[in-house]
């Protein structure tokens, strides 16, 4: 029986890398990149610490009405005045919901040798989906009407959907959708759009017992604001255009607004029981993927 919670998603990085290379000819490019990224993550065995059907010991508890005779641990019971039951870990499959922001702002990159924010978010999200499915979990996209599903066919479906961005807006917001109660979720975005829809999505999720993680994906130029002199700022869709002769004079105000947005996200995550990570596209994608794995383990 396979342990849940990404526990046996990969045997070794080499085995997954080999598998991805042998099937790469029939997979979408995003799937291949995500398979290679997932192969870099070494995962251990971590059972879900809840009682249920499993093969790992969790705890002893006093026997209750309805417990069968076979459930009683007679050796442990012999050391007490009442019978005890030996409980196992809960290993039922879980659901993971993903939102990968595909709005126009996510197409930005400040350097030719850096991926766009969208491509980086797609790769991280897809790699996380691979790890989840390999561990027997169900995965779904908030932009798809179908419920989360398990299996490699679902992975192909997710990869195809992720590679077909549809949001024409400058900045993205989470798609309004009721997520399965008790599921976990991951939002990958620059979170530079309107705050109200983001707050509503997280509070609604929290009300249903859904917890998860936010990954704020930024290009390093968005952090450093390395602009000076005459500069034309234009949104990715071209709907917003601003020209200034003194771009450097805007730097302080811009950085202050960005810091405020980060503080707001951190506050919102803390209030709803979620976690927040900030990832820059000039850093390795392995960093946020490993962080997500540990973060999701902690928000069960």
Protein backbone atom coordinates (compact mmCIF):
# COMPACT_ATOMS: atom_id res chain seq x y z
CA UNK A 1 0.00 0.00 0.00
CA UNK A 2 1.41 3.36 -1.00
CA UNK A 3 1.69 6.01 1.68
CA UNK A 4 -0.15 9.24 1.00
CA UNK A 5 0.97 12.85 1.09
CA UNK A 6 3.67 12.81 -1.61
CA UNK A 7 5.40 10.18 0.56
CA UNK A 8 6.35 7.74 -2.19
CA UNK A 9 5.99 10.01 -5.15
CA UNK A 10 9.50 9.19 -6.35
CA UNK A 11 11.84 6.35 -5.61
CA UNK A 12 14.94 8.30 -6.67
CA UNK A 13 15.57 11.36 -8.83
CA UNK A 14 17.35 9.16 -11.39
CA UNK A 15 14.37 6.84 -11.79
CA UNK A 16 11.97 9.69 -12.53
CA UNK A 17 14.48 11.37 -14.82
CA UNK A 18 14.88 8.15 -16.78
CA UNK A 19 11.13 7.71 -17.00
CA UNK A 20 10.65 11.28 -18.24
CA UNK A 21 13.34 10.86 -20.89
CA UNK A 22 11.80 7.67 -22.28
CA UNK A 23 8.35 9.20 -22.70
CA UNK A 24 9.35 12.77 -23.55
CA UNK A 25 8.56 12.30 -27.23
CA UNK A 26 4.83 11.97 -26.55
CA UNK A 27 4.44 14.58 -23.83
CA UNK A 28 3.83 18.34 -24.00
CA UNK A 29 7.05 20.37 -23.48
CA UNK A 30 5.78 21.61 -20.13
CA UNK A 31 5.27 18.04 -18.95
CA UNK A 32 8.85 17.14 -19.81
CA UNK A 33 10.25 20.18 -17.99
CA UNK A 34 8.09 19.45 -14.96
CA UNK A 35 9.13 15.79 -14.91
CA UNK A 36 12.79 16.83 -14.80
CA UNK A 37 12.08 19.34 -12.05
CA UNK A 38 10.15 16.78 -10.00
CA UNK A 39 13.09 14.40 -10.38
CA UNK A 40 15.28 16.72 -8.33
CA UNK A 41 13.14 16.31 -5.23
CA UNK A 42 13.96 13.43 -2.91
CA UNK A 43 10.91 12.59 -0.85
CA UNK A 44 10.79 10.49 2.31
CA UNK A 45 7.99 8.51 3.85
CA UNK A 46 5.63 10.70 5.84
CA UNK A 47 2.34 9.17 6.96
CA UNK A 48 -0.65 11.34 7.67
CA UNK A 49 -1.07 11.48 11.43
CA UNK A 50 -4.73 10.65 11.55
CA UNK A 51 -6.46 7.40 12.41
CA UNK A 52 -7.78 5.26 9.59
CA UNK A 53 -6.90 2.53 7.10
CA UNK A 54 -3.15 2.17 6.86
CA UNK A 55 -0.24 -0.05 7.81
CA UNK A 56 1.77 2.25 10.09
CA UNK A 57 1.20 2.39 13.84
CA UNK A 58 -0.08 5.73 15.12
CA UNK A 59 -1.29 5.40 18.71
CA UNK A 60 -3.09 3.32 21.30
CA UNK A 61 -6.52 4.38 22.51
CA UNK A 62 -9.02 2.88 24.97
CA UNK A 63 -11.44 0.45 23.30
CA UNK A 64 -14.93 1.79 22.63
CA UNK A 65 -18.33 0.27 21.97
CA UNK A 66 -18.35 -1.07 18.43
CA UNK A 67 -14.63 -1.98 18.29
CA UNK A 68 -14.18 -5.53 17.11
CA UNK A 69 -12.24 -8.10 19.09
CA UNK A 70 -9.57 -8.24 16.39
CA UNK A 71 -8.89 -4.52 16.83
CA UNK A 72 -7.83 -4.95 20.46
CA UNK A 73 -4.11 -5.13 21.20
CA UNK A 74 -4.07 -7.72 23.95
CA UNK A 75 -0.41 -7.23 24.83
CA UNK A 76 -0.92 -3.52 25.46
CA UNK A 77 -4.24 -4.20 27.22
CA UNK A 78 -2.55 -6.64 29.60
CA UNK A 79 -0.59 -3.74 31.09
CA UNK A 80 -3.78 -1.84 31.96
CA UNK A 81 -7.13 -2.43 33.55
CA UNK A 82 -9.04 -1.96 30.29
CA UNK A 83 -8.63 -3.02 26.63
CA UNK A 84 -6.74 -0.83 24.16
CA UNK A 85 -7.01 -0.55 20.38
CA UNK A 86 -3.95 -0.17 18.16
CA UNK A 87 -4.77 2.56 15.64
CA UNK A 88 -3.15 2.93 12.23
CA UNK A 89 -2.34 6.05 10.23
CA UNK A 90 -4.92 7.59 7.93
CA UNK A 91 -3.85 7.10 4.33
CA UNK A 92 -6.87 8.10 2.26
CA UNK A 93 -6.21 9.91 -1.00
CA UNK A 94 -6.35 13.69 -0.85
CA UNK A 95 -7.16 16.41 -3.37
CA UNK A 96 -4.77 19.16 -4.44
CA UNK A 97 -6.18 22.18 -6.28
CA UNK A 98 -3.92 24.47 -8.32
CA UNK A 99 -4.37 27.99 -9.58
CA UNK A 100 -1.65 29.11 -12.00
CA UNK A 101 -2.21 32.76 -12.90
CA UNK A 102 -2.17 33.09 -16.71
CA UNK A 103 -2.99 36.81 -16.97
CA UNK A 104 -0.91 39.08 -19.19
CA UNK A 105 1.34 40.37 -16.38
CA UNK A 106 2.67 36.84 -15.88
CA UNK A 107 4.23 36.93 -19.35
CA UNK A 108 6.84 39.47 -18.22
CA UNK A 109 10.54 38.75 -18.09
CA UNK A 110 13.28 41.34 -17.62
CA UNK A 111 16.01 39.25 -19.24
CA UNK A 112 16.35 37.08 -22.32
CA UNK A 113 18.00 34.33 -20.30
CA UNK A 114 15.22 34.24 -17.72
CA UNK A 115 11.89 32.46 -18.08
CA UNK A 116 8.73 34.48 -17.89
CA UNK A 117 6.84 34.44 -14.63
CA UNK A 118 4.15 32.39 -16.35
CA UNK A 119 6.49 29.67 -17.58
CA UNK A 120 8.11 29.40 -14.17
CA UNK A 121 4.71 29.19 -12.42
CA UNK A 122 3.52 26.58 -14.94
CA UNK A 123 6.60 24.42 -14.43
CA UNK A 124 6.42 24.55 -10.64
CA UNK A 125 2.69 23.84 -10.62
CA UNK A 126 3.03 20.93 -13.03
CA UNK A 127 5.95 19.42 -11.11
CA UNK A 128 3.91 19.62 -7.92
CA UNK A 129 1.01 17.89 -9.68
CA UNK A 130 3.34 15.10 -10.78
CA UNK A 131 4.55 14.54 -7.23
CA UNK A 132 0.98 14.48 -5.93
CA UNK A 133 -0.28 12.01 -8.53
CA UNK A 134 2.73 9.75 -8.01
CA UNK A 135 1.69 9.64 -4.34
CA UNK A 136 -1.85 8.58 -5.17
CA UNK A 137 -3.49 11.98 -4.75
CA UNK A 138 -6.06 13.68 -6.94
CA UNK A 139 -5.14 16.96 -8.64
CA UNK A 140 -7.24 19.61 -10.31
CA UNK A 141 -6.98 23.08 -11.82
CA UNK A 142 -9.28 25.84 -10.64
CA UNK A 143 -9.67 26.92 -14.27
CA UNK A 144 -11.11 23.54 -15.31
CA UNK A 145 -14.72 22.54 -14.60
CA UNK A 146 -13.83 18.89 -13.91
CA UNK A 147 -13.22 17.74 -10.32
CA UNK A 148 -9.69 16.76 -9.26
CA UNK A 149 -8.62 13.35 -10.55
CA UNK A 150 -5.72 10.94 -10.18
CA UNK A 151 -3.57 9.21 -12.77
CA UNK A 152 -1.21 10.03 -15.60
CA UNK A 153 -4.06 10.88 -17.97
CA UNK A 154 -4.97 13.70 -15.63
CA UNK A 155 -1.39 14.96 -15.73
CA UNK A 156 -1.51 15.17 -19.51
CA UNK A 157 -4.83 17.02 -19.28
CA UNK A 158 -3.39 19.51 -16.77
CA UNK A 159 -0.29 20.13 -18.87
CA UNK A 160 -2.38 20.83 -21.96
CA UNK A 161 -4.61 23.24 -20.02
CA UNK A 162 -1.67 25.07 -18.50
CA UNK A 163 -0.03 25.52 -21.89
CA UNK A 164 -3.19 27.22 -23.22
CA UNK A 165 -3.44 30.53 -21.31
CA UNK A 166 -6.80 32.24 -21.71
CA UNK A 167 -6.91 35.24 -19.35
CA UNK A 168 -6.77 38.46 -21.44
CA UNK A 169 -6.67 40.74 -18.39
CA UNK A 170 -3.51 42.55 -17.29
CA UNK A 171 -3.61 41.04 -13.80
CA UNK A 172 -5.07 37.75 -12.67
CA UNK A 173 -7.39 36.82 -9.83
CA UNK A 174 -8.31 33.33 -8.58
CA UNK A 175 -11.21 31.73 -10.42
CA UNK A 176 -14.29 31.59 -8.16
CA UNK A 177 -14.77 27.90 -7.44
CA UNK A 178 -15.86 25.76 -4.52
CA UNK A 179 -12.95 23.48 -3.68
CA UNK A 180 -13.43 20.03 -2.12
CA UNK A 181 -13.80 20.31 1.63
CA UNK A 182 -10.54 19.49 3.39
CA UNK A 183 -8.46 19.70 0.21
CA UNK A 184 -5.16 21.51 -0.09
CA UNK A 185 -4.49 24.25 -2.62
CA UNK A 186 -1.61 26.17 -4.17
CA UNK A 187 -1.88 29.57 -5.86
CA UNK A 188 1.01 30.64 -8.12
CA UNK A 189 0.83 34.29 -9.22
CA UNK A 190 2.54 37.65 -9.02
CA UNK A 191 -0.48 38.77 -6.93
CA UNK A 192 -0.21 42.30 -8.33
CA UNK A 193 -3.88 42.57 -9.28
CA UNK A 194 -6.92 43.48 -7.22
CA UNK A 195 -6.77 42.33 -3.62
CA UNK A 196 -10.48 41.73 -2.98
CA UNK A 197 -10.83 38.57 -5.16
CA UNK A 198 -7.67 37.09 -3.66
CA UNK A 199 -8.92 37.70 -0.13
CA UNK A 200 -12.33 36.25 -0.97
CA UNK A 201 -10.81 33.12 -2.49
CA UNK A 202 -8.67 32.43 0.57
CA UNK A 203 -11.35 33.17 3.16
CA UNK A 204 -13.88 31.02 1.28
CA UNK A 205 -11.34 28.21 1.09
CA UNK A 206 -10.53 28.51 4.78
CA UNK A 207 -14.24 28.29 5.63
CA UNK A 208 -14.33 24.88 3.90
CA UNK A 209 -11.25 23.64 5.72
CA UNK A 210 -9.04 24.12 2.66
CA UNK A 211 -5.51 25.17 3.46
CA UNK A 212 -2.51 25.64 1.26
CA UNK A 213 0.25 27.90 0.04
CA UNK A 214 0.77 31.03 -2.00
CA UNK A 215 3.84 31.44 -4.20
CA UNK A 216 4.42 35.02 -5.31
CA UNK A 217 6.43 34.77 -8.54
CA UNK A 218 8.38 37.91 -9.45
CA UNK A 219 11.01 38.84 -11.99
CA UNK A 220 14.14 40.31 -10.31
CA UNK A 221 13.60 43.57 -12.23
CA UNK A 222 10.27 43.91 -10.44
CA UNK A 223 12.14 43.75 -7.15
CA UNK A 224 15.06 46.03 -8.03
CA UNK A 225 13.30 48.55 -10.32
CA UNK A 226 16.55 49.19 -12.30
CA UNK A 227 15.12 51.99 -14.43
CA UNK A 228 16.50 55.51 -14.88
CA UNK A 229 15.93 58.49 -17.15
CA UNK A 230 13.33 58.41 -19.90
CA UNK A 231 11.32 55.22 -19.64
CA UNK A 232 8.03 54.02 -21.06
CA UNK A 233 6.12 51.65 -18.80
CA UNK A 234 3.50 49.59 -20.59
CA UNK A 235 1.33 46.73 -19.39
CA UNK A 236 1.72 43.39 -21.15
CA UNK A 237 -1.64 43.82 -22.87
CA UNK A 238 -0.83 47.40 -23.92
CA UNK A 239 -3.93 48.72 -22.15
CA UNK A 240 -1.87 50.77 -19.69
CA UNK A 241 0.97 53.06 -20.83
CA UNK A 242 2.97 55.59 -18.83
CA UNK A 243 6.01 57.61 -19.91
CA UNK A 244 8.36 59.45 -17.60
CA UNK A 245 11.64 61.34 -18.00
CA UNK A 246 12.74 60.51 -14.46
CA UNK A 247 12.07 56.84 -13.85
CA UNK A 248 14.49 56.72 -10.94
CA UNK A 249 12.28 59.16 -9.05
CA UNK A 250 9.50 56.56 -9.02
CA UNK A 251 11.65 53.84 -7.49
CA UNK A 252 11.06 54.61 -3.82
CA UNK A 253 7.29 54.87 -4.16
CA UNK A 254 7.16 51.70 -6.24
CA UNK A 255 9.23 49.66 -3.78
CA UNK A 256 7.07 50.92 -0.93
CA UNK A 257 3.91 49.74 -2.72
CA UNK A 258 5.48 46.36 -3.45
CA UNK A 259 6.48 45.94 0.19
CA UNK A 260 2.93 46.79 1.24
CA UNK A 261 1.56 44.12 -1.11
CA UNK A 262 3.92 41.51 0.34
CA UNK A 263 2.96 42.46 3.90
CA UNK A 264 -0.71 42.20 2.98
CA UNK A 265 -0.25 38.75 1.47
CA UNK A 266 1.64 37.58 4.55
CA UNK A 267 -1.13 38.88 6.81
CA UNK A 268 -3.82 37.22 4.70
CA UNK A 269 -1.96 33.90 4.64
CA UNK A 270 -1.44 33.97 8.39
CA UNK A 271 -5.11 34.78 9.04
CA UNK A 272 -6.39 31.94 6.84
CA UNK A 273 -3.86 29.32 7.89
CA UNK A 274 -2.01 29.37 4.57
CA UNK A 275 1.72 29.81 3.89
CA UNK A 276 3.51 32.36 1.68
CA UNK A 277 6.72 32.10 -0.31
CA UNK A 278 8.26 34.69 -2.64
CA UNK A 279 10.13 33.30 -5.62
CA UNK A 280 12.29 35.16 -8.14
CA UNK A 281 12.69 33.78 -11.64
CA UNK A 282 16.48 34.10 -11.55
CA UNK A 283 16.55 31.53 -8.73
CA UNK A 284 16.30 27.74 -9.26
CA UNK A 285 12.73 26.37 -9.50
CA UNK A 286 13.75 23.56 -7.16
CA UNK A 287 13.66 26.03 -4.25
CA UNK A 288 9.92 26.81 -4.33
CA UNK A 289 9.02 23.21 -5.22
CA UNK A 290 10.80 21.86 -2.16
CA UNK A 291 9.33 24.65 -0.04
CA UNK A 292 5.84 23.77 -1.30
CA UNK A 293 6.30 20.12 -0.42
CA UNK A 294 7.18 20.95 3.17
CA UNK A 295 4.55 23.69 3.40
CA UNK A 296 1.77 21.36 2.28
CA UNK A 297 2.90 18.75 4.77
CA UNK A 298 2.51 21.33 7.54
CA UNK A 299 -0.95 22.60 6.57
CA UNK A 300 -2.77 19.28 6.58
